[in-house]
Protein backbone atom coordinates (compact mmCIF):
# COMPACT_ATOMS: atom_id res chain seq x y z
CA MET A 1 120.49 95.59 103.80
CA ASP A 2 118.13 98.47 103.12
CA LYS A 3 117.60 98.99 106.88
CA ALA A 4 120.04 98.89 109.79
CA LEU A 5 118.44 95.75 111.31
CA SER A 6 117.29 94.04 108.12
CA GLY A 7 117.46 90.27 108.53
CA ILE A 8 116.94 90.33 112.30
CA ARG A 9 113.77 88.55 113.45
CA VAL A 10 112.37 89.61 116.82
CA ILE A 11 109.66 87.72 118.69
CA ASP A 12 107.78 90.24 120.79
CA MET A 13 106.06 88.53 123.73
CA THR A 14 105.50 91.78 125.62
CA HIS A 15 102.48 93.78 126.63
CA ASN A 16 101.62 97.18 128.07
CA GLN A 17 104.47 99.68 127.49
CA ALA A 18 108.06 98.81 128.46
CA GLY A 19 108.45 95.83 126.11
CA PRO A 20 106.42 97.21 123.19
CA ALA A 21 108.39 100.47 123.32
CA CYS A 22 111.61 98.47 122.92
CA THR A 23 110.39 96.26 120.08
CA GLN A 24 108.79 99.16 118.21
CA ILE A 25 112.17 100.92 118.08
CA LEU A 26 113.72 97.71 116.73
CA GLY A 27 110.95 97.63 114.11
CA PHE A 28 111.61 101.26 113.20
CA LEU A 29 115.26 100.32 112.64
CA GLY A 30 114.32 97.57 110.22
CA ALA A 31 113.99 94.38 112.27
CA GLU A 32 111.14 92.00 111.47
CA VAL A 33 109.08 92.19 114.66
CA ILE A 34 106.51 89.44 115.20
CA LYS A 35 104.12 90.27 118.01
CA LEU A 36 103.16 86.95 119.59
CA GLU A 37 99.73 87.19 121.22
CA GLU A 38 97.12 84.95 122.76
CA PRO A 39 94.29 84.13 120.33
CA LYS A 40 91.67 85.50 122.73
CA GLY A 41 92.31 89.16 123.47
CA GLY A 42 96.00 89.46 122.64
CA ASP A 43 98.05 92.22 124.24
CA ILE A 44 96.04 93.45 127.23
CA ALA A 45 96.46 97.01 125.93
CA ARG A 46 94.13 96.13 123.02
CA ALA A 47 91.22 95.77 125.44
CA GLN A 48 91.46 99.24 126.91
CA ALA A 49 89.14 100.77 124.33
CA GLY A 50 88.47 98.26 121.57
CA ASP A 51 91.06 99.72 119.23
CA SER A 52 93.00 101.25 122.09
CA LEU A 53 95.27 104.12 121.19
CA PHE A 54 97.52 102.91 124.00
CA PHE A 55 98.14 99.78 121.92
CA LEU A 56 98.37 101.63 118.62
CA VAL A 57 101.06 104.13 119.63
CA LEU A 58 103.36 101.32 120.81
CA ASN A 59 102.96 98.68 118.12
CA ALA A 60 103.64 100.15 114.69
CA ASN A 61 105.95 98.20 112.36
CA LYS A 62 104.95 94.79 113.73
CA ARG A 63 103.12 91.69 112.49
CA SER A 64 100.73 89.79 114.75
CA LEU A 65 100.92 86.03 115.25
CA THR A 66 98.48 84.34 117.63
CA LEU A 67 99.42 81.12 119.43
CA ASP A 68 97.98 79.46 122.52
CA LEU A 69 101.12 78.39 124.37
CA LYS A 70 99.12 76.37 126.88
CA LYS A 71 98.21 73.90 124.14
CA PRO A 72 100.88 71.35 123.09
CA GLU A 73 100.50 72.14 119.41
CA GLY A 74 100.78 75.87 120.05
CA LYS A 75 103.92 75.35 122.09
CA ALA A 76 105.41 73.13 119.38
CA LEU A 77 104.79 75.79 116.74
CA PHE A 78 106.34 78.39 119.02
CA ARG A 79 109.50 76.32 119.26
CA GLN A 80 109.70 76.12 115.49
CA VAL A 81 109.39 79.89 115.25
CA ILE A 82 112.03 80.47 117.96
CA ALA A 83 114.46 78.15 116.16
CA LYS A 84 114.40 80.58 113.22
CA SER A 85 114.53 83.82 115.24
CA ASP A 86 117.25 86.10 116.56
CA VAL A 87 115.68 87.83 119.55
CA LEU A 88 112.90 87.10 122.01
CA VAL A 89 111.64 89.93 124.24
CA GLU A 90 109.35 89.15 127.19
CA ASN A 91 107.98 91.04 130.18
CA PHE A 92 105.75 88.44 131.82
CA GLY A 93 105.45 88.17 135.57
CA PRO A 94 108.32 86.49 137.44
CA GLY A 95 108.71 82.82 136.42
CA ALA A 96 105.80 82.73 133.94
CA LEU A 97 107.76 81.43 130.94
CA ASP A 98 109.79 79.02 133.08
CA ARG A 99 106.55 77.38 134.21
CA LEU A 100 105.66 76.87 130.54
CA GLY A 101 109.05 75.26 129.90
CA LEU A 102 110.06 78.25 127.77
CA GLY A 103 112.68 79.87 129.99
CA TYR A 104 116.12 80.93 128.83
CA ALA A 105 117.84 77.59 129.43
CA ALA A 106 115.23 75.67 127.43
CA LEU A 107 115.25 78.05 124.47
CA LYS A 108 119.03 78.43 124.48
CA ALA A 109 119.28 74.66 124.01
CA LEU A 110 116.94 74.96 121.05
CA ASN A 111 118.64 78.01 119.50
CA PRO A 112 122.11 78.88 120.90
CA ARG A 113 122.16 82.10 118.85
CA LEU A 114 118.98 83.40 120.47
CA ILE A 115 119.13 86.66 122.42
CA TYR A 116 116.60 86.27 125.22
CA ALA A 117 115.61 89.69 126.55
CA THR A 118 113.82 89.91 129.88
CA ILE A 119 112.14 93.00 131.32
CA LYS A 120 111.02 92.78 134.94
CA GLY A 121 110.00 95.27 137.59
CA PHE A 122 112.87 94.32 139.89
CA GLY A 123 114.87 91.85 137.79
CA THR A 124 115.30 88.11 138.25
CA HIS A 125 117.52 88.20 141.34
CA GLY A 126 117.76 90.27 144.51
CA PRO A 127 115.40 90.64 147.51
CA TYR A 128 112.55 92.12 145.42
CA ALA A 129 112.78 89.74 142.46
CA GLU A 130 109.34 88.21 143.02
CA PHE A 131 107.61 91.59 143.42
CA LYS A 132 105.49 92.99 140.59
CA SER A 133 105.79 96.56 139.44
CA PHE A 134 104.22 99.28 137.32
CA GLU A 135 105.48 102.69 136.24
CA PRO A 136 104.71 104.54 139.51
CA ILE A 137 106.26 101.73 141.57
CA ALA A 138 109.46 101.90 139.53
CA GLN A 139 109.60 105.68 139.94
CA ALA A 140 109.03 105.40 143.69
CA MET A 141 111.61 102.67 144.21
CA GLY A 142 114.11 104.20 141.80
CA GLY A 143 114.17 107.52 143.68
CA ALA A 144 112.54 109.64 140.98
CA MET A 145 109.43 110.65 142.93
CA CYS A 146 111.29 111.95 145.98
CA ILE A 147 113.34 114.36 143.85
CA THR A 148 110.32 115.63 141.88
CA GLY A 149 107.89 118.36 142.90
CA PHE A 150 107.89 121.39 145.17
CA PRO A 151 109.25 121.44 148.74
CA ASP A 152 105.95 121.51 150.58
CA ASN A 153 104.23 118.90 148.39
CA PRO A 154 104.44 115.07 148.50
CA PRO A 155 106.86 113.10 146.31
CA THR A 156 105.53 113.54 142.79
CA TYR A 157 104.92 111.09 139.95
CA VAL A 158 106.22 112.29 136.58
CA TRP A 159 104.16 111.45 133.50
CA PRO A 160 107.03 110.84 131.06
CA ALA A 161 107.28 107.06 131.30
CA ILE A 162 110.85 106.76 132.55
CA GLY A 163 110.05 103.43 134.21
CA ASP A 164 108.28 101.93 131.19
CA SER A 165 109.58 103.49 127.98
CA GLY A 166 112.84 104.32 129.75
CA THR A 167 113.30 100.63 130.51
CA GLY A 168 112.39 99.78 126.93
CA MET A 169 115.12 102.08 125.58
CA HIS A 170 117.68 100.53 127.94
CA MET A 171 116.63 97.10 126.71
CA THR A 172 117.00 98.19 123.08
CA ILE A 173 120.61 99.12 123.83
CA GLY A 174 121.18 95.76 125.52
CA ILE A 175 119.76 93.82 122.57
CA LEU A 176 121.86 95.75 120.06
CA ALA A 177 124.97 95.11 122.18
CA ALA A 178 124.17 91.39 122.34
CA LEU A 179 123.66 91.25 118.57
CA GLN A 180 127.04 92.93 118.05
CA GLN A 181 128.76 90.45 120.39
CA ARG A 182 127.08 87.57 118.59
CA HIS A 183 128.91 88.60 115.43
CA ALA A 184 132.16 87.70 117.18
CA THR A 185 131.11 84.70 119.28
CA GLY A 186 128.22 83.17 117.35
CA ARG A 187 126.35 82.87 120.66
CA GLY A 188 123.26 84.55 121.97
CA GLN A 189 122.80 85.48 125.60
CA HIS A 190 120.32 86.52 128.28
CA VAL A 191 119.78 90.29 128.46
CA GLU A 192 117.97 91.66 131.50
CA VAL A 193 116.78 95.16 132.42
CA SER A 194 114.69 95.93 135.47
CA MET A 195 112.44 98.97 135.71
CA GLN A 196 113.97 100.02 139.01
CA ASP A 197 117.49 99.78 137.54
CA ALA A 198 116.51 101.94 134.56
CA VAL A 199 115.03 104.67 136.77
CA VAL A 200 118.11 104.67 139.03
CA ASN A 201 120.30 105.11 135.94
CA LEU A 202 118.20 108.11 134.89
CA ILE A 203 118.52 109.90 138.25
CA ARG A 204 122.29 109.47 138.59
CA ILE A 205 122.87 113.25 138.86
CA SER A 206 120.59 113.43 141.89
CA LEU A 207 122.57 110.60 143.47
CA ARG A 208 125.71 112.64 142.78
CA ASP A 209 124.09 115.66 144.47
CA HIS A 210 123.25 113.54 147.51
CA GLN A 211 126.92 112.70 147.94
CA ARG A 212 128.09 116.26 147.31
CA ARG A 213 125.76 117.75 149.91
CA GLY A 214 126.12 114.86 152.34
CA GLY A 215 122.47 113.89 152.54
CA VAL A 216 118.99 114.07 151.07
CA GLY A 217 118.21 117.47 149.61
CA PRO A 218 114.86 119.25 149.32
CA ARG A 219 112.65 119.12 146.25
CA THR A 220 113.26 122.26 144.22
CA GLY A 221 110.28 122.42 141.86
CA ASN A 222 111.28 123.96 138.54
CA GLN A 223 114.46 125.64 139.75
CA LEU A 224 117.57 124.09 138.20
CA GLY A 225 120.47 124.47 140.59
CA GLN A 226 121.38 128.04 141.54
CA THR A 227 121.22 129.42 138.02
CA VAL A 228 119.19 132.61 137.51
CA PRO A 229 117.26 132.56 135.30
CA GLY A 230 116.81 128.81 135.57
CA SER A 231 113.10 128.19 136.02
CA THR A 232 109.63 128.71 134.52
CA TYR A 233 108.21 132.17 133.90
CA PRO A 234 104.58 133.09 133.12
CA CYS A 235 103.48 134.36 129.71
CA ALA A 236 100.40 135.95 128.13
CA PRO A 237 97.48 135.39 128.18
CA GLY A 238 98.01 133.73 131.53
CA GLY A 239 96.50 130.26 131.00
CA PRO A 240 97.54 127.22 133.05
CA ASN A 241 100.21 126.19 130.48
CA ASP A 242 101.32 129.68 129.44
CA TYR A 243 104.88 129.41 130.69
CA VAL A 244 108.40 129.25 129.29
CA TYR A 245 111.52 127.73 130.73
CA ILE A 246 114.56 130.00 130.52
CA TYR A 247 118.06 128.87 131.45
CA ALA A 248 120.88 131.34 130.87
CA GLN A 249 124.50 130.68 131.79
CA GLN A 250 126.97 133.49 132.46
CA GLN A 251 128.13 133.87 128.85
CA MET A 252 124.48 134.34 127.81
CA TRP A 253 123.75 137.09 130.35
CA PRO A 254 124.55 140.07 128.06
CA ALA A 255 122.31 138.66 125.32
CA LEU A 256 119.49 138.14 127.81
CA ALA A 257 119.80 141.70 129.07
CA ARG A 258 119.59 142.98 125.48
CA VAL A 259 116.48 140.90 124.74
CA LEU A 260 114.83 142.40 127.82
CA GLY A 261 115.64 145.86 126.47
CA GLN A 262 117.78 146.58 129.53
CA PRO A 263 121.41 146.18 128.41
CA GLU A 264 122.52 148.09 131.49
CA LEU A 265 121.69 145.02 133.58
CA THR A 266 124.86 143.43 132.21
CA HIS A 267 126.95 145.65 134.47
CA ASP A 268 124.55 145.98 137.38
CA PRO A 269 126.52 144.60 140.36
CA ARG A 270 123.38 142.92 141.67
CA PHE A 271 123.23 140.70 138.58
CA SER A 272 126.66 140.73 136.94
CA THR A 273 127.77 137.31 138.25
CA PRO A 274 125.93 134.01 138.75
CA GLU A 275 126.43 134.26 142.51
CA ALA A 276 125.04 137.79 142.58
CA ARG A 277 122.00 136.86 140.52
CA TRP A 278 121.25 133.97 142.87
CA GLN A 279 121.57 136.17 145.93
CA ASN A 280 119.40 138.87 144.34
CA ARG A 281 116.91 136.65 142.54
CA ALA A 282 114.04 138.26 144.43
CA ALA A 283 114.92 141.50 142.63
CA PHE A 284 115.64 140.00 139.20
CA ASP A 285 112.76 137.53 138.78
CA PRO A 286 110.07 140.29 138.80
CA LEU A 287 111.94 142.09 135.98
CA LEU A 288 111.97 138.97 133.83
CA THR A 289 108.41 138.02 134.77
CA ALA A 290 107.11 141.46 133.75
CA TRP A 291 108.71 141.02 130.32
CA THR A 292 107.53 137.44 129.70
CA SER A 293 104.01 138.14 130.99
CA ALA A 294 103.50 140.71 128.25
CA ARG A 295 104.18 138.18 125.47
CA GLY A 296 102.99 134.77 124.32
CA LYS A 297 105.21 131.82 125.21
CA HIS A 298 106.15 131.04 121.60
CA GLU A 299 107.09 134.68 120.99
CA VAL A 300 109.26 134.64 124.10
CA MET A 301 110.90 131.43 122.91
CA ARG A 302 111.56 132.90 119.46
CA LEU A 303 113.08 136.13 120.78
CA MET A 304 115.25 134.31 123.29
CA GLY A 305 116.25 131.63 120.82
CA GLU A 306 117.25 134.14 118.16
CA ALA A 307 119.44 135.86 120.75
CA GLY A 308 121.15 132.60 121.71
CA VAL A 309 119.45 132.21 125.09
CA PRO A 310 118.07 128.69 125.79
CA CYS A 311 114.31 128.94 126.18
CA GLY A 312 111.43 126.55 125.62
CA ALA A 313 107.69 127.11 125.55
CA CYS A 314 105.88 124.78 127.96
CA GLN A 315 103.82 123.10 125.25
CA ASP A 316 100.67 121.22 126.12
CA THR A 317 99.84 117.95 124.35
CA ALA A 318 97.76 119.70 121.68
CA GLU A 319 100.69 121.96 120.87
CA VAL A 320 103.11 119.03 120.70
CA LEU A 321 100.84 117.19 118.27
CA ALA A 322 100.68 120.31 116.08
CA ASP A 323 104.32 121.38 116.46
CA PRO A 324 105.69 122.24 112.99
CA HIS A 325 109.25 121.41 114.02
CA LEU A 326 108.27 117.90 115.19
CA LYS A 327 106.28 117.35 112.02
CA ALA A 328 109.21 118.49 109.87
CA ARG A 329 111.38 115.92 111.68
CA GLU A 330 108.71 113.21 111.25
CA MET A 331 108.34 112.85 115.01
CA ILE A 332 104.60 113.47 114.89
CA VAL A 333 103.16 111.35 112.12
CA GLU A 334 99.78 110.07 111.02
CA LEU A 335 98.90 106.40 110.49
CA ASP A 336 95.68 104.69 109.54
CA TYR A 337 94.27 101.77 111.51
CA PRO A 338 91.18 100.20 109.91
CA PRO A 339 88.85 100.05 112.94
CA ARG A 340 89.67 103.60 114.02
CA GLY A 341 90.89 105.46 110.96
CA ALA A 342 93.62 108.06 111.04
CA PHE A 343 95.46 108.74 114.28
CA GLN A 344 98.60 110.62 115.27
CA THR A 345 101.56 108.90 116.83
CA VAL A 346 105.24 109.36 117.55
CA GLY A 347 107.80 108.53 114.89
CA CYS A 348 111.32 107.20 115.28
CA PRO A 349 113.57 109.48 117.36
CA ILE A 350 116.71 107.89 115.90
CA LYS A 351 117.63 109.40 112.55
CA LEU A 352 119.92 107.30 110.32
CA SER A 353 121.18 108.88 107.11
CA ASP A 354 121.60 105.60 105.19
CA SER A 355 118.40 103.94 106.36
CA PRO A 356 115.73 106.38 107.52
CA ALA A 357 112.88 104.75 109.41
CA THR A 358 109.59 104.02 107.69
CA LEU A 359 106.35 103.41 109.54
CA SER A 360 103.64 100.84 108.97
CA ARG A 361 100.37 100.64 110.89
CA PRO A 362 99.93 98.42 113.97
CA PRO A 363 98.54 94.94 113.24
CA LEU A 364 95.07 93.60 113.87
CA LEU A 365 95.03 90.71 116.30
CA GLY A 366 96.34 87.60 114.50
CA GLU A 367 96.38 89.44 111.19
CA HIS A 368 99.54 87.68 109.97
CA SER A 369 99.18 84.28 111.64
CA GLU A 370 98.53 82.25 108.50
CA ALA A 371 101.23 83.98 106.47
CA LEU A 372 103.85 83.63 109.21
CA LEU A 373 103.09 79.97 110.00
CA ASP A 374 103.21 79.15 106.30
CA GLU A 375 106.52 81.00 105.97
CA LEU A 376 108.21 79.75 109.15
CA CYS A 377 106.57 76.36 109.76
CA GLY A 378 105.44 75.31 106.29
CA LEU A 379 101.81 74.71 107.30
CA SER A 380 99.22 74.07 104.60
CA PRO A 381 95.96 76.04 104.31
CA ALA A 382 94.06 73.01 105.61
CA GLU A 383 96.31 72.73 108.66
CA LEU A 384 95.97 76.45 109.36
CA GLN A 385 92.19 76.24 109.12
CA ARG A 386 92.15 73.33 111.57
CA LEU A 387 94.43 75.14 114.04
CA ARG A 388 92.25 78.23 113.97
CA GLY A 389 89.13 76.14 114.48
CA GLU A 390 90.72 74.46 117.50
CA GLY A 391 91.80 77.77 119.01
CA VAL A 392 95.52 77.05 118.71
CA ILE A 393 95.98 80.18 116.60
């Protein structure tokens, strides 16, 4: 095994973001990921802009197989592929695969070792099971929007895809757990993650706070608890993203005072304890703001970081794509996709010492159909040509 998941075959029947985010991670870790798509159009993300970057950033390290599952021959080939696979991941609308006769019970009978992974907006049981969902719906129903934003503004949608990619990462964990259990039992199982469930898991601390305070609390914007400093502060030259986030606990207070060039603040009774700083934040914040406003955000981050004070520049997307630290860690990488050319994407966030991830470009629609059907179903070139002519592949 040259990769952690070498020898694991994953059939990716997902589209949009939650499912593809899951299967791409499995591909990064060495699984053979076969993206099963309809012959006409494929993953709906492909149609967003011809060679949609939305599709490209979620489908590296995969091969594309096209099959029309509404045709008997396409469905028969699918069953042959599933019989030789380890994992199936799907995020179709409620009941879609059951109506095709390809639900968990049917495929378990065909391949008892199969891990059948289902991503749904609200899961397969419960009062909302038949409801459809997208990222903002999951955030709304999972409680994330009502804890995000400033007090006088409406509940706020957050752009990090905690409902989509967050669900995908939860599903990755579930699949890996099911694979591990299969080592002991020899049996596959049904793994399910709902988008609402994933968001609720990610806001657990806010649910703790609700119980501690005895009710719903106000939105607090960028302020983290009652820690001072524990918020964003403006930097030079004063653009819309020229901010840093500084969060200093009590043991870091002397170092912060030294960085500001005011070591005497360490013993100032207005600021010497966390409680005092919170009570006197109206006096302290202008001192810190005057210092940060005279410097660029990356300089502030460097000076604070070197002193041991947690601080992060609020980087815009251009700065993230150019970040030398992310590039050194192979988190921002460049791939080439024939219709578009070079593009930047996100690498594997999981770093394994014995099997570092390698990246291959996303597939063209149906690019590997002939090779895969030859390999898995033993079809001849003449049979493959006929199937393509009839629209089965």
